Amino acid sequence: MSYIRADQILPNELLEIIQQYVDGKLLYIPCKEKQEWGSGTSAKKYFCDRNKRIYDAYLTGLSLIELSRSFALSEKSIQRILRTQKTAAAQEERF
């Protein structure tokens, strides 16, 4: 994330007020509207696809150890992904 110099965009009066609280430090100002995670990049789609591939590989018989080595994830991460994917699959079957 890049930053913008406050003295280049804020009025001097506002800058002086902010400097009373934070002087010479980086300050994060959040967006007015919160964006959903992954909405600005393709990361969300990538991880959804990866998790689906992990679940599919598990269904074909690969073990936790094989999956963790193949996808470079810990066994705990693989277990979490499998649990989430299994729950999602069960919900899809109900509808």
PDB file of N, CA and C in Angstrom:
ATOM      1  N   MET A   1       0.843  -1.157   0.000  1.00  0.00           N
ATOM      2  CA  MET A   1       0.000   0.000   0.000  1.00  0.00           C
ATOM      3  C   MET A   1       0.899   1.234   0.000  1.00  0.00           C
ATOM      4  N   SER A   2       0.630   2.156  -0.865  1.00  0.00           N
ATOM      5  CA  SER A   2       1.416   3.376  -0.906  1.00  0.00           C
ATOM      6  C   SER A   2       0.780   4.428  -0.013  1.00  0.00           C
ATOM      7  N   TYR A   3       1.530   5.463   0.278  1.00  0.00           N
ATOM      8  CA  TYR A   3       0.986   6.524   1.099  1.00  0.00           C
ATOM      9  C   TYR A   3       1.065   7.856   0.372  1.00  0.00           C
ATOM     10  N   ILE A   4       0.268   8.787   0.842  1.00  0.00           N
ATOM     11  CA  ILE A   4       0.214  10.137   0.278  1.00  0.00           C
ATOM     12  C   ILE A   4       0.610  11.097   1.388  1.00  0.00           C
ATOM     13  N   ARG A   5       1.422  12.069   1.059  1.00  0.00           N
ATOM     14  CA  ARG A   5       1.833  13.058   2.060  1.00  0.00           C
ATOM     15  C   ARG A   5       0.643  13.950   2.408  1.00  0.00           C
ATOM     16  N   ALA A   6       0.336  14.006   3.699  1.00  0.00           N
ATOM     17  CA  ALA A   6      -0.810  14.780   4.170  1.00  0.00           C
ATOM     18  C   ALA A   6      -0.644  16.268   3.868  1.00  0.00           C
ATOM     19  N   ASP A   7       0.588  16.762   3.915  1.00  0.00           N
ATOM     20  CA  ASP A   7       0.793  18.204   3.665  1.00  0.00           C
ATOM     21  C   ASP A   7       0.551  18.585   2.208  1.00  0.00           C
ATOM     22  N   GLN A   8       0.442  17.580   1.345  1.00  0.00           N
ATOM     23  CA  GLN A   8       0.170  17.856  -0.064  1.00  0.00           C
ATOM     24  C   GLN A   8      -1.319  17.844  -0.398  1.00  0.00           C
ATOM     25  N   ILE A   9      -2.146  17.281   0.490  1.00  0.00           N
ATOM     26  CA  ILE A   9      -3.567  17.200   0.159  1.00  0.00           C
ATOM     27  C   ILE A   9      -4.495  17.815   1.203  1.00  0.00           C
ATOM     28  N   LEU A  10      -4.042  17.941   2.446  1.00  0.00           N
ATOM     29  CA  LEU A  10      -4.918  18.466   3.500  1.00  0.00           C
ATOM     30  C   LEU A  10      -4.686  19.962   3.717  1.00  0.00           C
ATOM     31  N   PRO A  11      -5.736  20.679   4.085  1.00  0.00           N
ATOM     32  CA  PRO A  11      -5.556  22.090   4.434  1.00  0.00           C
ATOM     33  C   PRO A  11      -4.670  22.208   5.674  1.00  0.00           C
ATOM     34  N   ASN A  12      -3.903  23.283   5.770  1.00  0.00           N
ATOM     35  CA  ASN A  12      -2.974  23.471   6.893  1.00  0.00           C
ATOM     36  C   ASN A  12      -3.669  23.393   8.243  1.00  0.00           C
ATOM     37  N   GLU A  13      -4.882  23.953   8.343  1.00  0.00           N
ATOM     38  CA  GLU A  13      -5.602  23.937   9.621  1.00  0.00           C
ATOM     39  C   GLU A  13      -5.883  22.500  10.070  1.00  0.00           C
ATOM     40  N   LEU A  14      -6.320  21.671   9.142  1.00  0.00           N
ATOM     41  CA  LEU A  14      -6.609  20.274   9.457  1.00  0.00           C
ATOM     42  C   LEU A  14      -5.326  19.520   9.790  1.00  0.00           C
ATOM     43  N   LEU A  15      -4.284  19.770   9.048  1.00  0.00           N
ATOM     44  CA  LEU A  15      -2.996  19.127   9.287  1.00  0.00           C
ATOM     45  C   LEU A  15      -2.482  19.446  10.687  1.00  0.00           C
ATOM     46  N   GLU A  16      -2.618  20.699  11.111  1.00  0.00           N
ATOM     47  CA  GLU A  16      -2.159  21.088  12.451  1.00  0.00           C
ATOM     48  C   GLU A  16      -2.974  20.395  13.543  1.00  0.00           C
ATOM     49  N   ILE A  17      -4.257  20.209  13.319  1.00  0.00           N
ATOM     50  CA  ILE A  17      -5.086  19.500  14.293  1.00  0.00           C
ATOM     51  C   ILE A  17      -4.656  18.038  14.388  1.00  0.00           C
ATOM     52  N   ILE A  18      -4.438  17.408  13.247  1.00  0.00           N
ATOM     53  CA  ILE A  18      -4.003  15.999  13.243  1.00  0.00           C
ATOM     54  C   ILE A  18      -2.644  15.865  13.912  1.00  0.00           C
ATOM     55  N   GLN A  19      -1.756  16.831  13.708  1.00  0.00           N
ATOM     56  CA  GLN A  19      -0.417  16.771  14.298  1.00  0.00           C
ATOM     57  C   GLN A  19      -0.460  16.841  15.823  1.00  0.00           C
ATOM     58  N   GLN A  20      -1.554  17.335  16.392  1.00  0.00           N
ATOM     59  CA  GLN A  20      -1.688  17.334  17.848  1.00  0.00           C
ATOM     60  C   GLN A  20      -1.814  15.902  18.372  1.00  0.00           C
ATOM     61  N   TYR A  21      -2.331  15.009  17.547  1.00  0.00           N
ATOM     62  CA  TYR A  21      -2.537  13.623  17.954  1.00  0.00           C
ATOM     63  C   TYR A  21      -1.447  12.693  17.434  1.00  0.00           C
ATOM     64  N   VAL A  22      -1.028  12.919  16.208  1.00  0.00           N
ATOM     65  CA  VAL A  22      -0.025  12.074  15.562  1.00  0.00           C
ATOM     66  C   VAL A  22       0.938  12.993  14.829  1.00  0.00           C
ATOM     67  N   ASP A  23       2.180  13.028  15.288  1.00  0.00           N
ATOM     68  CA  ASP A  23       3.156  13.935  14.681  1.00  0.00           C
ATOM     69  C   ASP A  23       4.342  13.133  14.163  1.00  0.00           C
ATOM     70  N   GLY A  24       4.511  13.131  12.843  1.00  0.00           N
ATOM     71  CA  GLY A  24       5.646  12.429  12.249  1.00  0.00           C
ATOM     72  C   GLY A  24       5.487  10.922  12.163  1.00  0.00           C
ATOM     73  N   LYS A  25       4.285  10.412  12.310  1.00  0.00           N
ATOM     74  CA  LYS A  25       4.023   8.969  12.242  1.00  0.00           C
ATOM     75  C   LYS A  25       3.125   8.675  11.054  1.00  0.00           C
ATOM     76  N   LEU A  26       3.121   7.406  10.633  1.00  0.00           N
ATOM     77  CA  LEU A  26       2.193   6.988   9.589  1.00  0.00           C
ATOM     78  C   LEU A  26       0.817   6.816  10.195  1.00  0.00           C
ATOM     79  N   LEU A  27      -0.194   7.231   9.480  1.00  0.00           N
ATOM     80  CA  LEU A  27      -1.570   7.158   9.952  1.00  0.00           C
ATOM     81  C   LEU A  27      -2.419   6.510   8.877  1.00  0.00           C
ATOM     82  N   TYR A  28      -3.146   5.466   9.248  1.00  0.00           N
ATOM     83  CA  TYR A  28      -4.039   4.796   8.309  1.00  0.00           C
ATOM     84  C   TYR A  28      -5.433   5.378   8.473  1.00  0.00           C
ATOM     85  N   ILE A  29      -6.042   5.794   7.371  1.00  0.00           N
ATOM     86  CA  ILE A  29      -7.408   6.286   7.382  1.00  0.00           C
ATOM     87  C   ILE A  29      -8.236   5.284   6.584  1.00  0.00           C
ATOM     88  N   PRO A  30      -9.156   4.575   7.264  1.00  0.00           N
ATOM     89  CA  PRO A  30      -9.933   3.536   6.572  1.00  0.00           C
ATOM     90  C   PRO A  30     -10.915   4.128   5.570  1.00  0.00           C
ATOM     91  N   CYS A  31     -11.319   3.302   4.622  1.00  0.00           N
ATOM     92  CA  CYS A  31     -12.319   3.697   3.621  1.00  0.00           C
ATOM     93  C   CYS A  31     -13.663   3.902   4.292  1.00  0.00           C
ATOM     94  N   LYS A  32     -14.483   4.750   3.681  1.00  0.00           N
ATOM     95  CA  LYS A  32     -15.831   4.960   4.204  1.00  0.00           C
ATOM     96  C   LYS A  32     -16.646   3.685   4.102  1.00  0.00           C
ATOM     97  N   GLU A  33     -16.570   3.029   2.956  1.00  0.00           N
ATOM     98  CA  GLU A  33     -17.304   1.796   2.737  1.00  0.00           C
ATOM     99  C   GLU A  33     -16.325   0.629   2.739  1.00  0.00           C
ATOM    100  N   LYS A  34     -16.580  -0.307   3.621  1.00  0.00           N
ATOM    101  CA  LYS A  34     -15.699  -1.465   3.726  1.00  0.00           C
ATOM    102  C   LYS A  34     -15.890  -2.364   2.505  1.00  0.00           C
ATOM    103  N   GLN A  35     -14.771  -2.765   1.910  1.00  0.00           N
ATOM    104  CA  GLN A  35     -14.820  -3.645   0.749  1.00  0.00           C
ATOM    105  C   GLN A  35     -14.674  -5.086   1.201  1.00  0.00           C
ATOM    106  N   GLU A  36     -15.319  -5.973   0.498  1.00  0.00           N
ATOM    107  CA  GLU A  36     -15.217  -7.395   0.788  1.00  0.00           C
ATOM    108  C   GLU A  36     -13.806  -7.874   0.456  1.00  0.00           C
ATOM    109  N   TRP A  37     -13.283  -8.785   1.291  1.00  0.00           N
ATOM    110  CA  TRP A  37     -11.940  -9.294   1.080  1.00  0.00           C
ATOM    111  C   TRP A  37     -11.821  -9.907  -0.314  1.00  0.00           C
ATOM    112  N   GLY A  38     -10.744  -9.559  -1.007  1.00  0.00           N
ATOM    113  CA  GLY A  38     -10.472 -10.131  -2.318  1.00  0.00           C
ATOM    114  C   GLY A  38     -11.197  -9.461  -3.463  1.00  0.00           C
ATOM    115  N   SER A  39     -11.988  -8.436  -3.176  1.00  0.00           N
ATOM    116  CA  SER A  39     -12.757  -7.796  -4.249  1.00  0.00           C
ATOM    117  C   SER A  39     -11.876  -6.977  -5.186  1.00  0.00           C
ATOM    118  N   GLY A  40     -10.717  -6.557  -4.723  1.00  0.00           N
ATOM    119  CA  GLY A  40      -9.844  -5.746  -5.561  1.00  0.00           C
ATOM    120  C   GLY A  40      -8.826  -6.543  -6.354  1.00  0.00           C
ATOM    121  N   THR A  41      -8.727  -7.837  -6.075  1.00  0.00           N
ATOM    122  CA  THR A  41      -7.747  -8.685  -6.766  1.00  0.00           C
ATOM    123  C   THR A  41      -8.406 -10.008  -7.148  1.00  0.00           C
ATOM    124  N   SER A  42      -7.620 -10.883  -7.710  1.00  0.00           N
ATOM    125  CA  SER A  42      -8.135 -12.211  -8.059  1.00  0.00           C
ATOM    126  C   SER A  42      -7.790 -13.241  -6.983  1.00  0.00           C
ATOM    127  N   ALA A  43      -7.336 -12.780  -5.823  1.00  0.00           N
ATOM    128  CA  ALA A  43      -6.919 -13.694  -4.756  1.00  0.00           C
ATOM    129  C   ALA A  43      -8.062 -14.575  -4.275  1.00  0.00           C
ATOM    130  N   LYS A  44      -9.233 -13.989  -4.095  1.00  0.00           N
ATOM    131  CA  LYS A  44     -10.367 -14.764  -3.586  1.00  0.00           C
ATOM    132  C   LYS A  44     -10.700 -15.925  -4.516  1.00  0.00           C
ATOM    133  N   LYS A  45     -10.726 -15.665  -5.815  1.00  0.00           N
ATOM    134  CA  LYS A  45     -11.011 -16.720  -6.799  1.00  0.00           C
ATOM    135  C   LYS A  45      -9.909 -17.780  -6.775  1.00  0.00           C
ATOM    136  N   TYR A  46      -8.646 -17.330  -6.678  1.00  0.00           N
ATOM    137  CA  TYR A  46      -7.530 -18.268  -6.641  1.00  0.00           C
ATOM    138  C   TYR A  46      -7.665 -19.236  -5.473  1.00  0.00           C
ATOM    139  N   PHE A  47      -7.929 -18.704  -4.272  1.00  0.00           N
ATOM    140  CA  PHE A  47      -8.016 -19.562  -3.094  1.00  0.00           C
ATOM    141  C   PHE A  47      -9.251 -20.458  -3.127  1.00  0.00           C
ATOM    142  N   CYS A  48     -10.348 -19.967  -3.664  1.00  0.00           N
ATOM    143  CA  CYS A  48     -11.541 -20.813  -3.815  1.00  0.00           C
ATOM    144  C   CYS A  48     -11.255 -21.980  -4.753  1.00  0.00           C
ATOM    145  N   ASP A  49     -10.615 -21.686  -5.880  1.00  0.00           N
ATOM    146  CA  ASP A  49     -10.258 -22.738  -6.836  1.00  0.00           C
ATOM    147  C   ASP A  49      -9.281 -23.733  -6.223  1.00  0.00           C
ATOM    148  N   ARG A  50      -8.266 -23.219  -5.515  1.00  0.00           N
ATOM    149  CA  ARG A  50      -7.275 -24.096  -4.882  1.00  0.00           C
ATOM    150  C   ARG A  50      -7.942 -25.012  -3.864  1.00  0.00           C
ATOM    151  N   ASN A  51      -8.822 -24.444  -3.047  1.00  0.00           N
ATOM    152  CA  ASN A  51      -9.484 -25.242  -2.024  1.00  0.00           C
ATOM    153  C   ASN A  51     -10.375 -26.319  -2.642  1.00  0.00           C
ATOM    154  N   LYS A  52     -11.009 -25.999  -3.748  1.00  0.00           N
ATOM    155  CA  LYS A  52     -11.831 -26.990  -4.465  1.00  0.00           C
ATOM    156  C   LYS A  52     -10.943 -28.117  -5.001  1.00  0.00           C
ATOM    157  N   ARG A  53      -9.769 -27.760  -5.543  1.00  0.00           N
ATOM    158  CA  ARG A  53      -8.831 -28.779  -6.040  1.00  0.00           C
ATOM    159  C   ARG A  53      -8.356 -29.676  -4.899  1.00  0.00           C
ATOM    160  N   ILE A  54      -8.118 -29.082  -3.733  1.00  0.00           N
ATOM    161  CA  ILE A  54      -7.688 -29.872  -2.572  1.00  0.00           C
ATOM    162  C   ILE A  54      -8.780 -30.858  -2.183  1.00  0.00           C
ATOM    163  N   TYR A  55     -10.014 -30.392  -2.124  1.00  0.00           N
ATOM    164  CA  TYR A  55     -11.135 -31.265  -1.745  1.00  0.00           C
ATOM    165  C   TYR A  55     -11.333 -32.370  -2.777  1.00  0.00           C
ATOM    166  N   ASP A  56     -11.255 -32.021  -4.045  1.00  0.00           N
ATOM    167  CA  ASP A  56     -11.397 -33.028  -5.098  1.00  0.00           C
ATOM    168  C   ASP A  56     -10.294 -34.079  -5.010  1.00  0.00           C
ATOM    169  N   ALA A  57      -9.059 -33.631  -4.739  1.00  0.00           N
ATOM    170  CA  ALA A  57      -7.941 -34.573  -4.611  1.00  0.00           C
ATOM    171  C   ALA A  57      -8.140 -35.484  -3.402  1.00  0.00           C
ATOM    172  N   TYR A  58      -8.689 -34.929  -2.337  1.00  0.00           N
ATOM    173  CA  TYR A  58      -8.978 -35.734  -1.142  1.00  0.00           C
ATOM    174  C   TYR A  58     -10.022 -36.801  -1.451  1.00  0.00           C
ATOM    175  N   LEU A  59     -11.032 -36.421  -2.217  1.00  0.00           N
ATOM    176  CA  LEU A  59     -12.092 -37.372  -2.577  1.00  0.00           C
ATOM    177  C   LEU A  59     -11.563 -38.501  -3.465  1.00  0.00           C
ATOM    178  N   THR A  60     -10.486 -38.245  -4.203  1.00  0.00           N
ATOM    179  CA  THR A  60      -9.906 -39.298  -5.043  1.00  0.00           C
ATOM    180  C   THR A  60      -8.990 -40.222  -4.251  1.00  0.00           C
ATOM    181  N   GLY A  61      -8.755 -39.886  -2.953  1.00  0.00           N
ATOM    182  CA  GLY A  61      -7.987 -40.799  -2.110  1.00  0.00           C
ATOM    183  C   GLY A  61      -6.655 -40.296  -1.601  1.00  0.00           C
ATOM    184  N   LEU A  62      -6.265 -39.082  -1.925  1.00  0.00           N
ATOM    185  CA  LEU A  62      -4.992 -38.572  -1.402  1.00  0.00           C
ATOM    186  C   LEU A  62      -5.093 -38.353   0.108  1.00  0.00           C
ATOM    187  N   SER A  63      -4.018 -38.651   0.816  1.00  0.00           N
ATOM    188  CA  SER A  63      -4.002 -38.496   2.266  1.00  0.00           C
ATOM    189  C   SER A  63      -3.693 -37.042   2.651  1.00  0.00           C
ATOM    190  N   LEU A  64      -3.869 -36.734   3.938  1.00  0.00           N
ATOM    191  CA  LEU A  64      -3.557 -35.390   4.430  1.00  0.00           C
ATOM    192  C   LEU A  64      -2.087 -35.043   4.191  1.00  0.00           C
ATOM    193  N   ILE A  65      -1.225 -36.007   4.431  1.00  0.00           N
ATOM    194  CA  ILE A  65       0.214 -35.771   4.239  1.00  0.00           C
ATOM    195  C   ILE A  65       0.518 -35.482   2.772  1.00  0.00           C
ATOM    196  N   GLU A  66      -0.068 -36.275   1.879  1.00  0.00           N
ATOM    197  CA  GLU A  66       0.158 -36.055   0.442  1.00  0.00           C
ATOM    198  C   GLU A  66      -0.381 -34.695   0.008  1.00  0.00           C
ATOM    199  N   LEU A  67      -1.549 -34.326   0.514  1.00  0.00           N
ATOM    200  CA  LEU A  67      -2.132 -33.026   0.166  1.00  0.00           C
ATOM    201  C   LEU A  67      -1.285 -31.878   0.703  1.00  0.00           C
ATOM    202  N   SER A  68      -0.812 -32.015   1.926  1.00  0.00           N
ATOM    203  CA  SER A  68      -0.015 -30.934   2.506  1.00  0.00           C
ATOM    204  C   SER A  68       1.297 -30.747   1.748  1.00  0.00           C
ATOM    205  N   ARG A  69       1.886 -31.830   1.310  1.00  0.00           N
ATOM    206  CA  ARG A  69       3.125 -31.731   0.519  1.00  0.00           C
ATOM    207  C   ARG A  69       2.836 -31.161  -0.871  1.00  0.00           C
ATOM    208  N   SER A  70       1.772 -31.633  -1.475  1.00  0.00           N
ATOM    209  CA  SER A  70       1.443 -31.224  -2.834  1.00  0.00           C
ATOM    210  C   SER A  70       1.078 -29.737  -2.920  1.00  0.00           C
ATOM    211  N   PHE A  71       0.367 -29.230  -1.903  1.00  0.00           N
ATOM    212  CA  PHE A  71      -0.091 -27.842  -1.934  1.00  0.00           C
ATOM    213  C   PHE A  71       0.735 -26.923  -1.031  1.00  0.00           C
ATOM    214  N   ALA A  72       1.800 -27.458  -0.432  1.00  0.00           N
ATOM    215  CA  ALA A  72       2.703 -26.686   0.426  1.00  0.00           C
ATOM    216  C   ALA A  72       1.947 -25.990   1.559  1.00  0.00           C
ATOM    217  N   LEU A  73       1.071 -26.752   2.213  1.00  0.00           N
ATOM    218  CA  LEU A  73       0.305 -26.250   3.352  1.00  0.00           C
ATOM    219  C   LEU A  73       0.472 -27.216   4.524  1.00  0.00           C
ATOM    220  N   SER A  74       0.230 -26.734   5.731  1.00  0.00           N
ATOM    221  CA  SER A  74       0.300 -27.607   6.898  1.00  0.00           C
ATOM    222  C   SER A  74      -0.896 -28.558   6.897  1.00  0.00           C
ATOM    223  N   GLU A  75      -0.754 -29.643   7.617  1.00  0.00           N
ATOM    224  CA  GLU A  75      -1.855 -30.595   7.707  1.00  0.00           C
ATOM    225  C   GLU A  75      -3.078 -29.950   8.361  1.00  0.00           C
ATOM    226  N   LYS A  76      -2.860 -29.077   9.333  1.00  0.00           N
ATOM    227  CA  LYS A  76      -3.971 -28.365   9.979  1.00  0.00           C
ATOM    228  C   LYS A  76      -4.711 -27.492   8.970  1.00  0.00           C
ATOM    229  N   SER A  77      -3.982 -26.832   8.077  1.00  0.00           N
ATOM    230  CA  SER A  77      -4.620 -26.013   7.045  1.00  0.00           C
ATOM    231  C   SER A  77      -5.438 -26.881   6.099  1.00  0.00           C
ATOM    232  N   ILE A  78      -4.884 -28.019   5.736  1.00  0.00           N
ATOM    233  CA  ILE A  78      -5.606 -28.950   4.864  1.00  0.00           C
ATOM    234  C   ILE A  78      -6.881 -29.427   5.551  1.00  0.00           C
ATOM    235  N   GLN A  79      -6.793 -29.767   6.842  1.00  0.00           N
ATOM    236  CA  GLN A  79      -7.970 -30.209   7.586  1.00  0.00           C
ATOM    237  C   GLN A  79      -9.047 -29.120   7.607  1.00  0.00           C
ATOM    238  N   ARG A  80      -8.635 -27.873   7.833  1.00  0.00           N
ATOM    239  CA  ARG A  80      -9.586 -26.759   7.862  1.00  0.00           C
ATOM    240  C   ARG A  80     -10.258 -26.594   6.511  1.00  0.00           C
ATOM    241  N   ILE A  81      -9.479 -26.662   5.450  1.00  0.00           N
ATOM    242  CA  ILE A  81     -10.022 -26.518   4.091  1.00  0.00           C
ATOM    243  C   ILE A  81     -10.998 -27.652   3.793  1.00  0.00           C
ATOM    244  N   LEU A  82     -10.622 -28.882   4.141  1.00  0.00           N
ATOM    245  CA  LEU A  82     -11.501 -30.025   3.886  1.00  0.00           C
ATOM    246  C   LEU A  82     -12.815 -29.891   4.659  1.00  0.00           C
ATOM    247  N   ARG A  83     -12.728 -29.453   5.905  1.00  0.00           N
ATOM    248  CA  ARG A  83     -13.935 -29.279   6.719  1.00  0.00           C
ATOM    249  C   ARG A  83     -14.846 -28.216   6.096  1.00  0.00           C
ATOM    250  N   THR A  84     -14.274 -27.109   5.663  1.00  0.00           N
ATOM    251  CA  THR A  84     -15.054 -26.029   5.047  1.00  0.00           C
ATOM    252  C   THR A  84     -15.677 -26.482   3.736  1.00  0.00           C
ATOM    253  N   GLN A  85     -14.900 -27.177   2.906  1.00  0.00           N
ATOM    254  CA  GLN A  85     -15.402 -27.647   1.621  1.00  0.00           C
ATOM    255  C   GLN A  85     -16.495 -28.711   1.804  1.00  0.00           C
ATOM    256  N   LYS A  86     -16.327 -29.572   2.799  1.00  0.00           N
ATOM    257  CA  LYS A  86     -17.323 -30.610   3.057  1.00  0.00           C
ATOM    258  C   LYS A  86     -18.642 -29.968   3.494  1.00  0.00           C
ATOM    259  N   THR A  87     -18.560 -28.959   4.349  1.00  0.00           N
ATOM    260  CA  THR A  87     -19.771 -28.245   4.783  1.00  0.00           C
ATOM    261  C   THR A  87     -20.448 -27.552   3.614  1.00  0.00           C
ATOM    262  N   ALA A  88     -19.661 -26.919   2.750  1.00  0.00           N
ATOM    263  CA  ALA A  88     -20.220 -26.240   1.583  1.00  0.00           C
ATOM    264  C   ALA A  88     -20.882 -27.239   0.640  1.00  0.00           C
ATOM    265  N   ALA A  89     -20.259 -28.398   0.453  1.00  0.00           N
ATOM    266  CA  ALA A  89     -20.817 -29.423  -0.442  1.00  0.00           C
ATOM    267  C   ALA A  89     -22.135 -29.953   0.122  1.00  0.00           C
ATOM    268  N   ALA A  90     -22.189 -30.128   1.445  1.00  0.00           N
ATOM    269  CA  ALA A  90     -23.407 -30.623   2.079  1.00  0.00           C
ATOM    270  C   ALA A  90     -24.536 -29.611   1.938  1.00  0.00           C
ATOM    271  N   GLN A  91     -24.223 -28.332   2.038  1.00  0.00           N
ATOM    272  CA  GLN A  91     -25.243 -27.292   1.886  1.00  0.00           C
ATOM    273  C   GLN A  91     -25.760 -27.233   0.454  1.00  0.00           C
ATOM    274  N   GLU A  92     -24.879 -27.435  -0.523  1.00  0.00           N
ATOM    275  CA  GLU A  92     -25.287 -27.440  -1.925  1.00  0.00           C
ATOM    276  C   GLU A  92     -26.220 -28.614  -2.216  1.00  0.00           C
ATOM    277  N   GLU A  93     -25.971 -29.753  -1.575  1.00  0.00           N
ATOM    278  CA  GLU A  93     -26.805 -30.938  -1.789  1.00  0.00           C
ATOM    279  C   GLU A  93     -28.221 -30.735  -1.247  1.00  0.00           C
ATOM    280  N   ARG A  94     -28.355 -29.930  -0.202  1.00  0.00           N
ATOM    281  CA  ARG A  94     -29.677 -29.702   0.388  1.00  0.00           C
ATOM    282  C   ARG A  94     -30.551 -28.842  -0.506  1.00  0.00           C
ATOM    283  N   PHE A  95     -29.945 -28.041  -1.366  1.00  0.00           N
ATOM    284  CA  PHE A  95     -30.731 -27.122  -2.212  1.00  0.00           C
ATOM    285  C   PHE A  95     -30.883 -27.660  -3.566  1.00  0.00           C
TER     286      PHE A  95
END
